[in-house]
Amino acid sequence: MTKRELRTYYLDKRKALSPGELEAASERICHNLFSNFQLEEKKISLFLPIESKREINTYKILEKAISFDAHVAIPKTNLDTLEMKHFLFESIDQLETSSYGIPEPKKGKVIAAEHFDFVFVPLLVMDVNGNRVGYGKGIYDRFLKKCSPRCRLIGLSHFDELVDSIEEIHKDDIALHACITPNMIHRFE
C-alpha cells in the first residue's frame, strides 16, 4: 500500500474505536512503556493528543514520567516552517490548543533536540523495519534528524500489527528504534 492508502485506512480504523477502546489502549501503552523503559531523570519529548484525530491519550504518560523526575518537553509546531520546538513542561496552565487542535506550550524553557534521551512519536502505522506513516508533512522527521544517535525514537500505536513494508520510503524518513502498542513492544534495532 502507498502511504496515502495506509493513512486513510488507519485513520478510518481509529475512528471506529469506541471511547472506551481508545482509553483502554492508551492505558495499556502507558503500562507497557513504564514496564520496559527507564525514564527516571531522563529528558523526553512527548506529544499530547489531538483529540479529533483520536490519538493515544498521553496525559497518563506525562503524569507518570514527571512523578519519576523525568524532564518532559512538549512540542510546539510552526506550520509555516514545518519545524518543532520543545518546551519543558511545567504546568497544565502552560498549554493552549492550537487552531489544529494540538495541545501545545505557549511558553517555557526550550530543550534542543540533541539533549533528548527518548522521543515518543505519534504515528498511524509502522512497518517491520521501523518506518512509520504519520500525517504526511515530515515535521517529525525534520526534528528526529537533529536528535543525538544515543536518543531512542519510539512510536506509540493504537494497533499491534505492523505492515510488511511501506512503499515510498523517502531518503529523509527516519526509522524508529521501537514501537509500543497495547499488547506488545516491537523493536527494530
Protein backbone atom coordinates (compact mmCIF):
# COMPACT_ATOMS: atom_id res chain seq x y z
CA MET A 1 0.00 0.00 0.00
CA THR A 2 1.07 3.57 -0.56
CA LYS A 3 1.47 5.97 2.36
CA ARG A 4 -1.72 7.72 1.30
CA GLU A 5 -3.70 4.44 1.29
CA LEU A 6 -2.26 3.42 4.66
CA ARG A 7 -3.02 6.86 6.10
CA THR A 8 -6.67 6.67 5.01
CA TYR A 9 -7.10 3.07 6.20
CA TYR A 10 -5.61 3.65 9.67
CA LEU A 11 -7.38 6.97 10.23
CA ASP A 12 -10.67 5.17 9.49
CA LYS A 13 -9.66 2.29 11.77
CA ARG A 14 -9.00 4.77 14.58
CA LYS A 15 -12.38 6.45 14.06
CA ALA A 16 -14.04 3.06 14.55
CA LEU A 17 -12.62 2.74 18.08
CA SER A 18 -15.08 3.47 20.86
CA PRO A 19 -14.00 5.96 23.56
CA GLY A 20 -13.61 3.00 25.93
CA GLU A 21 -11.40 1.10 23.47
CA LEU A 22 -9.23 4.17 22.91
CA GLU A 23 -8.82 4.73 26.65
CA ALA A 24 -8.03 1.04 27.28
CA ALA A 25 -5.39 1.07 24.51
CA SER A 26 -3.89 4.26 25.96
CA GLU A 27 -3.68 2.72 29.44
CA ARG A 28 -2.05 -0.48 28.15
CA ILE A 29 0.50 1.53 26.13
CA CYS A 30 1.36 3.54 29.25
CA HIS A 31 1.79 0.31 31.23
CA ASN A 32 4.00 -1.26 28.52
CA LEU A 33 6.11 1.87 28.30
CA PHE A 34 6.90 2.05 32.02
CA SER A 35 7.35 -1.73 32.27
CA ASN A 36 10.02 -1.73 29.56
CA PHE A 37 11.78 1.65 29.55
CA GLN A 38 13.53 3.52 32.35
CA LEU A 39 12.56 7.18 32.17
CA GLU A 40 13.77 8.25 35.61
CA GLU A 41 15.61 11.57 35.34
CA LYS A 42 15.70 11.31 31.53
CA LYS A 43 14.88 14.07 29.06
CA ILE A 44 11.92 13.01 26.97
CA SER A 45 9.84 14.51 24.19
CA LEU A 46 6.18 13.61 24.45
CA PHE A 47 3.40 14.68 22.11
CA LEU A 48 -0.01 15.48 23.57
CA PRO A 49 -3.05 14.02 21.81
CA ILE A 50 -5.06 15.65 19.07
CA GLU A 51 -8.46 14.50 20.29
CA SER A 52 -10.17 14.97 16.91
CA LYS A 53 -7.60 12.53 15.40
CA ARG A 54 -8.27 10.06 18.24
CA GLU A 55 -4.60 9.93 19.17
CA ILE A 56 -3.29 7.94 22.12
CA ASN A 57 -4.05 9.70 25.42
CA THR A 58 -0.51 10.55 26.51
CA TYR A 59 -1.52 12.60 29.58
CA LYS A 60 -1.12 9.48 31.75
CA ILE A 61 2.42 9.04 30.42
CA LEU A 62 3.12 12.70 31.15
CA GLU A 63 1.93 12.43 34.76
CA LYS A 64 3.81 9.22 35.46
CA ALA A 65 7.04 10.41 33.79
CA ILE A 66 7.00 13.57 35.89
CA SER A 67 6.45 11.51 39.04
CA PHE A 68 9.71 9.68 38.12
CA ASP A 69 11.55 13.01 37.84
CA ALA A 70 11.76 12.81 34.05
CA HIS A 71 12.22 16.13 32.27
CA VAL A 72 9.29 16.13 29.84
CA ALA A 73 9.19 18.51 26.91
CA ILE A 74 6.12 19.11 24.77
CA PRO A 75 6.45 20.00 21.08
CA LYS A 76 5.11 23.17 19.53
CA THR A 77 4.89 23.17 15.73
CA ASN A 78 5.37 26.10 13.41
CA LEU A 79 3.19 25.09 10.47
CA ASP A 80 4.70 27.77 8.22
CA THR A 81 8.23 26.36 8.52
CA LEU A 82 7.19 22.77 9.46
CA GLU A 83 9.64 22.89 12.36
CA MET A 84 9.12 21.98 16.01
CA LYS A 85 10.46 23.46 19.24
CA HIS A 86 10.17 21.57 22.51
CA PHE A 87 9.31 23.31 25.76
CA LEU A 88 9.89 21.85 29.21
CA PHE A 89 6.50 21.02 30.74
CA GLU A 90 5.95 22.97 33.94
CA SER A 91 2.17 23.03 34.39
CA ILE A 92 -1.09 22.48 32.58
CA ASP A 93 -1.56 26.29 32.56
CA GLN A 94 1.35 26.49 30.14
CA LEU A 95 -0.71 24.75 27.42
CA GLU A 96 -3.08 26.12 24.82
CA THR A 97 -4.88 24.38 21.98
CA SER A 98 -3.69 25.38 18.52
CA SER A 99 -6.06 26.02 15.61
CA TYR A 100 -5.36 22.40 14.55
CA GLY A 101 -6.49 21.03 17.91
CA ILE A 102 -2.96 20.33 19.16
CA PRO A 103 -2.28 20.98 22.87
CA GLU A 104 0.96 22.99 22.81
CA PRO A 105 3.01 25.06 25.25
CA LYS A 106 2.69 28.81 24.82
CA LYS A 107 5.96 29.48 26.69
CA GLY A 108 8.72 27.84 28.65
CA LYS A 109 12.32 26.71 28.56
CA VAL A 110 13.31 25.29 25.17
CA ILE A 111 15.12 21.93 25.10
CA ALA A 112 17.20 21.34 21.98
CA ALA A 113 16.81 18.10 20.01
CA GLU A 114 20.30 16.83 20.80
CA HIS A 115 19.55 16.73 24.54
CA PHE A 116 16.74 14.14 24.46
CA ASP A 117 17.15 10.59 25.74
CA PHE A 118 13.75 9.45 24.40
CA VAL A 119 11.37 10.84 21.79
CA PHE A 120 7.86 9.39 21.73
CA VAL A 121 6.46 9.74 18.23
CA PRO A 122 2.83 9.75 17.03
CA LEU A 123 2.04 7.57 14.04
CA LEU A 124 -0.72 5.89 12.11
CA VAL A 125 1.08 2.65 11.20
CA MET A 126 4.59 1.15 11.11
CA ASP A 127 6.30 -1.49 9.06
CA VAL A 128 8.54 -4.32 10.25
CA ASN A 129 11.65 -2.17 9.65
CA GLY A 130 10.59 0.70 11.92
CA ASN A 131 9.37 3.02 9.15
CA ARG A 132 6.27 4.99 10.07
CA VAL A 133 3.41 6.72 8.37
CA GLY A 134 2.35 9.95 10.05
CA TYR A 135 0.16 12.76 8.77
CA GLY A 136 2.40 13.43 5.79
CA LYS A 137 4.13 16.74 6.43
CA GLY A 138 7.52 15.37 7.56
CA ILE A 139 7.56 17.52 10.69
CA TYR A 140 8.76 14.74 12.99
CA ASP A 141 11.37 13.51 10.51
CA ARG A 142 12.92 17.01 10.40
CA PHE A 143 13.10 17.04 14.19
CA LEU A 144 14.35 13.44 14.58
CA LYS A 145 17.30 14.17 12.26
CA LYS A 146 18.58 16.62 14.86
CA CYS A 147 18.47 14.14 17.76
CA SER A 148 21.60 12.53 19.15
CA PRO A 149 22.43 8.97 17.99
CA ARG A 150 22.02 7.84 21.63
CA CYS A 151 18.40 9.06 21.70
CA ARG A 152 15.79 6.29 21.49
CA LEU A 153 12.99 7.04 18.98
CA ILE A 154 9.83 5.23 20.00
CA GLY A 155 6.45 5.18 18.27
CA LEU A 156 3.13 4.80 20.07
CA SER A 157 0.50 2.89 18.10
CA HIS A 158 -3.15 2.03 18.73
CA PHE A 159 -2.77 -1.28 16.89
CA ASP A 160 -0.49 -4.26 17.49
CA GLU A 161 0.02 -5.21 13.86
CA LEU A 162 2.78 -3.96 11.61
CA VAL A 163 2.66 -3.89 7.82
CA ASP A 164 5.31 -5.77 5.85
CA SER A 165 6.59 -2.66 4.14
CA ILE A 166 5.67 0.90 3.36
CA GLU A 167 6.03 1.99 -0.24
CA GLU A 168 7.60 5.36 -1.00
CA ILE A 169 10.16 5.47 1.82
CA HIS A 170 11.92 8.78 1.28
CA LYS A 171 15.63 9.39 2.00
CA ASP A 172 14.60 11.89 4.70
CA ASP A 173 12.29 9.45 6.50
CA ILE A 174 13.71 8.44 9.88
CA ALA A 175 13.12 4.87 11.09
CA LEU A 176 12.28 4.38 14.77
CA HIS A 177 14.02 2.11 17.28
CA ALA A 178 10.82 0.66 18.76
CA CYS A 179 7.04 0.87 18.78
CA ILE A 180 4.83 0.41 21.82
CA THR A 181 1.34 -0.96 21.19
CA PRO A 182 -1.40 -2.04 23.60
CA ASN A 183 -0.13 -5.63 23.76
CA MET A 184 3.49 -5.64 22.63
CA ILE A 185 6.73 -3.85 22.04
CA HIS A 186 8.25 -4.09 18.59
CA ARG A 187 12.00 -3.44 18.50
CA PHE A 188 13.76 -2.53 15.26
CA GLU A 189 17.36 -2.07 16.46
